[in-house]
Amino acid sequence: MRVNYLGAVHLTRYALPALKKSRGLIVAIASVAGFTGVPERTAYAGSKHALVGFMESLRIELAGSGVDVTIVAPDFVLTQTHKRAIGPDGKPLGASPMQTTRIMTAEECAARIVSAIERRKRLLILSARGRLGRWLKLIAPSFIDRIAARAIRRRY
């Protein structure tokens, strides 16, 4: 919560006066986990849910100020974070549990974020699975829960 949520809240608070003067853009790096539950990433998902809610509320508050908010929701991205994840037993997983050949690289993720920034896009969900899952959750939430559980069991 301190990093994923409060870090963004405090940074935004202090940057907001300058952003209003410059008609700037706030870019929040959330996650598809900010829209649905993710087993074995419970605390992470909770912090990203909080971030998404904060940024969506802030966007409404800032309407007409010239400041826009872009929320970026990557799916799995190949970083060192997966190697530091904690398993259901509370112990570090060690090696990445993910099939790294099927995960977006950090470089590709960054390039797509830059494109969204240039267009001042409202929301960027970086995977087809994330976009589909967001909408399916509205009509079939239990189905999405099962998909999330299966993805973790299969390590992707």
C-alpha atoms as a PDB file:
ATOM      1  CA  MET A   1       0.000   0.000   0.000  1.00  0.00           C
ATOM      2  CA  ARG A   2       2.818   2.415   0.796  1.00  0.00           C
ATOM      3  CA  VAL A   3       4.431   2.020  -2.610  1.00  0.00           C
ATOM      4  CA  ASN A   4       1.606   1.133  -5.017  1.00  0.00           C
ATOM      5  CA  TYR A   5      -1.059   3.402  -3.543  1.00  0.00           C
ATOM      6  CA  LEU A   6       0.230   5.975  -1.059  1.00  0.00           C
ATOM      7  CA  GLY A   7       3.354   6.690  -3.118  1.00  0.00           C
ATOM      8  CA  ALA A   8       1.158   7.736  -6.033  1.00  0.00           C
ATOM      9  CA  VAL A   9      -1.222   9.685  -3.772  1.00  0.00           C
ATOM     10  CA  HIS A  10       1.560  11.717  -2.139  1.00  0.00           C
ATOM     11  CA  LEU A  11       3.395  12.345  -5.403  1.00  0.00           C
ATOM     12  CA  THR A  12       0.165  13.495  -7.045  1.00  0.00           C
ATOM     13  CA  ARG A  13      -0.673  15.789  -4.129  1.00  0.00           C
ATOM     14  CA  TYR A  14       2.633  17.628  -4.355  1.00  0.00           C
ATOM     15  CA  ALA A  15       2.764  17.705  -8.167  1.00  0.00           C
ATOM     16  CA  LEU A  16      -0.830  18.849  -8.663  1.00  0.00           C
ATOM     17  CA  PRO A  17      -0.253  22.638  -8.445  1.00  0.00           C
ATOM     18  CA  ALA A  18       2.408  22.456 -11.181  1.00  0.00           C
ATOM     19  CA  LEU A  19       0.282  20.074 -13.229  1.00  0.00           C
ATOM     20  CA  LYS A  20      -2.634  22.514 -13.099  1.00  0.00           C
ATOM     21  CA  LYS A  21      -0.416  25.371 -14.259  1.00  0.00           C
ATOM     22  CA  SER A  22       1.020  23.345 -17.129  1.00  0.00           C
ATOM     23  CA  ARG A  23      -2.206  21.481 -17.975  1.00  0.00           C
ATOM     24  CA  GLY A  24      -0.251  18.297 -17.416  1.00  0.00           C
ATOM     25  CA  LEU A  25      -0.983  14.618 -17.392  1.00  0.00           C
ATOM     26  CA  ILE A  26      -0.976  12.180 -14.487  1.00  0.00           C
ATOM     27  CA  VAL A  27      -0.001   8.658 -15.505  1.00  0.00           C
ATOM     28  CA  ALA A  28      -0.798   5.900 -13.031  1.00  0.00           C
ATOM     29  CA  ILE A  29       0.762   2.502 -13.548  1.00  0.00           C
ATOM     30  CA  ALA A  30      -1.899   0.194 -12.196  1.00  0.00           C
ATOM     31  CA  SER A  31      -2.389  -3.398 -13.360  1.00  0.00           C
ATOM     32  CA  VAL A  32      -5.100  -5.660 -14.679  1.00  0.00           C
ATOM     33  CA  ALA A  33      -4.996  -6.847 -11.056  1.00  0.00           C
ATOM     34  CA  GLY A  34      -6.567  -3.473 -10.231  1.00  0.00           C
ATOM     35  CA  PHE A  35      -9.775  -4.612 -11.914  1.00  0.00           C
ATOM     36  CA  THR A  36     -10.082  -8.207 -10.677  1.00  0.00           C
ATOM     37  CA  GLY A  37      -8.777 -10.452  -7.948  1.00  0.00           C
ATOM     38  CA  VAL A  38      -5.518 -12.325  -8.486  1.00  0.00           C
ATOM     39  CA  PRO A  39      -4.755 -15.353  -6.336  1.00  0.00           C
ATOM     40  CA  GLU A  40      -1.296 -15.377  -4.754  1.00  0.00           C
ATOM     41  CA  ARG A  41      -1.129 -11.607  -5.364  1.00  0.00           C
ATOM     42  CA  THR A  42      -3.834 -10.536  -2.916  1.00  0.00           C
ATOM     43  CA  ALA A  43      -2.067  -7.554  -1.327  1.00  0.00           C
ATOM     44  CA  TYR A  44      -0.760  -6.417  -4.702  1.00  0.00           C
ATOM     45  CA  ALA A  45      -4.243  -6.583  -6.253  1.00  0.00           C
ATOM     46  CA  GLY A  46      -5.708  -4.661  -3.311  1.00  0.00           C
ATOM     47  CA  SER A  47      -3.151  -1.871  -3.668  1.00  0.00           C
ATOM     48  CA  LYS A  48      -3.827  -1.608  -7.406  1.00  0.00           C
ATOM     49  CA  HIS A  49      -7.612  -1.542  -6.825  1.00  0.00           C
ATOM     50  CA  ALA A  50      -7.030   1.392  -4.471  1.00  0.00           C
ATOM     51  CA  LEU A  51      -4.859   3.156  -7.046  1.00  0.00           C
ATOM     52  CA  VAL A  52      -7.433   2.738  -9.819  1.00  0.00           C
ATOM     53  CA  GLY A  53     -10.220   4.049  -7.576  1.00  0.00           C
ATOM     54  CA  PHE A  54      -8.148   7.042  -6.520  1.00  0.00           C
ATOM     55  CA  MET A  55      -7.161   7.958 -10.064  1.00  0.00           C
ATOM     56  CA  GLU A  56     -10.674   7.533 -11.462  1.00  0.00           C
ATOM     57  CA  SER A  57     -12.058   9.745  -8.685  1.00  0.00           C
ATOM     58  CA  LEU A  58      -9.290  12.297  -9.211  1.00  0.00           C
ATOM     59  CA  ARG A  59     -10.039  12.402 -12.942  1.00  0.00           C
ATOM     60  CA  ILE A  60     -13.611  13.455 -12.152  1.00  0.00           C
ATOM     61  CA  GLU A  61     -12.461  16.066  -9.637  1.00  0.00           C
ATOM     62  CA  LEU A  62     -10.008  17.528 -12.157  1.00  0.00           C
ATOM     63  CA  ALA A  63     -12.523  17.788 -15.014  1.00  0.00           C
ATOM     64  CA  GLY A  64     -12.164  21.176 -16.651  1.00  0.00           C
ATOM     65  CA  SER A  65      -8.796  21.916 -14.992  1.00  0.00           C
ATOM     66  CA  GLY A  66      -6.732  20.925 -18.019  1.00  0.00           C
ATOM     67  CA  VAL A  67      -5.150  18.047 -16.114  1.00  0.00           C
ATOM     68  CA  ASP A  68      -5.841  14.603 -17.546  1.00  0.00           C
ATOM     69  CA  VAL A  69      -5.375  11.192 -15.945  1.00  0.00           C
ATOM     70  CA  THR A  70      -4.144   8.122 -17.803  1.00  0.00           C
ATOM     71  CA  ILE A  71      -4.455   4.776 -16.075  1.00  0.00           C
ATOM     72  CA  VAL A  72      -2.191   2.053 -17.450  1.00  0.00           C
ATOM     73  CA  ALA A  73      -3.072  -1.553 -16.670  1.00  0.00           C
ATOM     74  CA  PRO A  74      -0.372  -3.967 -17.758  1.00  0.00           C
ATOM     75  CA  ASP A  75      -0.920  -7.701 -17.592  1.00  0.00           C
ATOM     76  CA  PHE A  76       2.111  -9.771 -16.655  1.00  0.00           C
ATOM     77  CA  VAL A  77       5.338  -7.953 -17.591  1.00  0.00           C
ATOM     78  CA  LEU A  78       8.752  -9.583 -17.535  1.00  0.00           C
ATOM     79  CA  THR A  79      10.436  -7.934 -14.542  1.00  0.00           C
ATOM     80  CA  GLN A  80      12.298  -9.064 -11.447  1.00  0.00           C
ATOM     81  CA  THR A  81       9.107  -8.692  -9.369  1.00  0.00           C
ATOM     82  CA  HIS A  82       7.961 -12.225 -10.151  1.00  0.00           C
ATOM     83  CA  LYS A  83      11.150 -13.620  -8.652  1.00  0.00           C
ATOM     84  CA  ARG A  84      10.434 -11.804  -5.378  1.00  0.00           C
ATOM     85  CA  ALA A  85       6.811 -12.923  -5.089  1.00  0.00           C
ATOM     86  CA  ILE A  86       5.627 -14.663  -1.953  1.00  0.00           C
ATOM     87  CA  GLY A  87       3.737 -17.936  -2.252  1.00  0.00           C
ATOM     88  CA  PRO A  88       0.582 -19.012  -0.399  1.00  0.00           C
ATOM     89  CA  ASP A  89       2.746 -20.410   2.412  1.00  0.00           C
ATOM     90  CA  GLY A  90       4.251 -16.944   3.015  1.00  0.00           C
ATOM     91  CA  LYS A  91       7.680 -17.950   1.752  1.00  0.00           C
ATOM     92  CA  PRO A  92       9.468 -16.412  -1.240  1.00  0.00           C
ATOM     93  CA  LEU A  93       8.840 -18.282  -4.497  1.00  0.00           C
ATOM     94  CA  GLY A  94      12.446 -17.740  -5.618  1.00  0.00           C
ATOM     95  CA  ALA A  95      12.538 -18.288  -9.373  1.00  0.00           C
ATOM     96  CA  SER A  96       9.805 -16.789 -11.486  1.00  0.00           C
ATOM     97  CA  PRO A  97       6.762 -19.067 -11.582  1.00  0.00           C
ATOM     98  CA  MET A  98       5.674 -17.596 -14.925  1.00  0.00           C
ATOM     99  CA  GLN A  99       6.309 -18.869 -18.437  1.00  0.00           C
ATOM    100  CA  THR A 100       8.569 -15.953 -19.310  1.00  0.00           C
ATOM    101  CA  THR A 101       8.391 -16.564 -23.068  1.00  0.00           C
ATOM    102  CA  ARG A 102       4.661 -15.673 -22.967  1.00  0.00           C
ATOM    103  CA  ILE A 103       5.041 -12.411 -21.026  1.00  0.00           C
ATOM    104  CA  MET A 104       5.354  -8.884 -22.463  1.00  0.00           C
ATOM    105  CA  THR A 105       8.823  -7.407 -22.118  1.00  0.00           C
ATOM    106  CA  ALA A 106       9.374  -4.261 -20.098  1.00  0.00           C
ATOM    107  CA  GLU A 107      10.569  -2.517 -23.278  1.00  0.00           C
ATOM    108  CA  GLU A 108       7.366  -3.301 -25.186  1.00  0.00           C
ATOM    109  CA  CYS A 109       5.286  -2.233 -22.207  1.00  0.00           C
ATOM    110  CA  ALA A 110       7.162   1.086 -21.974  1.00  0.00           C
ATOM    111  CA  ALA A 111       6.749   1.817 -25.695  1.00  0.00           C
ATOM    112  CA  ARG A 112       2.990   1.284 -25.503  1.00  0.00           C
ATOM    113  CA  ILE A 113       2.767   3.514 -22.418  1.00  0.00           C
ATOM    114  CA  VAL A 114       4.630   6.304 -24.222  1.00  0.00           C
ATOM    115  CA  SER A 115       2.144   6.057 -27.100  1.00  0.00           C
ATOM    116  CA  ALA A 116      -0.790   6.345 -24.664  1.00  0.00           C
ATOM    117  CA  ILE A 117       0.835   9.356 -23.007  1.00  0.00           C
ATOM    118  CA  GLU A 118       1.274  11.098 -26.353  1.00  0.00           C
ATOM    119  CA  ARG A 119      -2.455  10.619 -27.023  1.00  0.00           C
ATOM    120  CA  ARG A 120      -3.470  11.473 -23.427  1.00  0.00           C
ATOM    121  CA  LYS A 121      -5.441   8.259 -23.432  1.00  0.00           C
ATOM    122  CA  ARG A 122      -7.823   7.702 -20.506  1.00  0.00           C
ATOM    123  CA  LEU A 123      -7.150   3.973 -20.000  1.00  0.00           C
ATOM    124  CA  LEU A 124      -4.607   1.608 -21.499  1.00  0.00           C
ATOM    125  CA  ILE A 125      -5.100  -2.087 -20.796  1.00  0.00           C
ATOM    126  CA  LEU A 126      -2.067  -3.787 -22.270  1.00  0.00           C
ATOM    127  CA  SER A 127      -3.435  -7.234 -23.064  1.00  0.00           C
ATOM    128  CA  ALA A 128      -6.394  -8.648 -24.925  1.00  0.00           C
ATOM    129  CA  ARG A 129      -6.963 -10.928 -21.942  1.00  0.00           C
ATOM    130  CA  GLY A 130      -7.143  -7.893 -19.646  1.00  0.00           C
ATOM    131  CA  ARG A 131      -9.552  -6.011 -21.919  1.00  0.00           C
ATOM    132  CA  LEU A 132     -11.817  -9.024 -22.344  1.00  0.00           C
ATOM    133  CA  GLY A 133     -11.638  -9.898 -18.665  1.00  0.00           C
ATOM    134  CA  ARG A 134     -12.667  -6.402 -17.622  1.00  0.00           C
ATOM    135  CA  TRP A 135     -15.892  -6.652 -19.592  1.00  0.00           C
ATOM    136  CA  LEU A 136     -16.624 -10.302 -18.832  1.00  0.00           C
ATOM    137  CA  LYS A 137     -16.328  -9.585 -15.112  1.00  0.00           C
ATOM    138  CA  LEU A 138     -19.418  -7.387 -15.404  1.00  0.00           C
ATOM    139  CA  ILE A 139     -21.575 -10.198 -16.750  1.00  0.00           C
ATOM    140  CA  ALA A 140     -19.858 -13.359 -15.511  1.00  0.00           C
ATOM    141  CA  PRO A 141     -17.747 -12.567 -12.432  1.00  0.00           C
ATOM    142  CA  SER A 142     -17.450 -16.192 -11.261  1.00  0.00           C
ATOM    143  CA  PHE A 143     -16.137 -17.171 -14.678  1.00  0.00           C
ATOM    144  CA  ILE A 144     -13.367 -14.561 -14.408  1.00  0.00           C
ATOM    145  CA  ASP A 145     -12.502 -15.795 -10.906  1.00  0.00           C
ATOM    146  CA  ARG A 146     -12.018 -19.304 -12.299  1.00  0.00           C
ATOM    147  CA  ILE A 147      -9.858 -18.000 -15.144  1.00  0.00           C
ATOM    148  CA  ALA A 148      -7.659 -16.082 -12.678  1.00  0.00           C
ATOM    149  CA  ALA A 149      -7.252 -19.148 -10.483  1.00  0.00           C
ATOM    150  CA  ARG A 150      -6.410 -21.342 -13.478  1.00  0.00           C
ATOM    151  CA  ALA A 151      -3.862 -18.817 -14.802  1.00  0.00           C
ATOM    152  CA  ILE A 152      -1.977 -18.892 -11.527  1.00  0.00           C
ATOM    153  CA  ARG A 153      -2.094 -22.699 -11.344  1.00  0.00           C
ATOM    154  CA  ARG A 154      -0.659 -22.855 -14.880  1.00  0.00           C
ATOM    155  CA  ARG A 155       1.810 -20.051 -14.053  1.00  0.00           C
ATOM    156  CA  TYR A 156       0.431 -17.692 -16.696  1.00  0.00           C
END
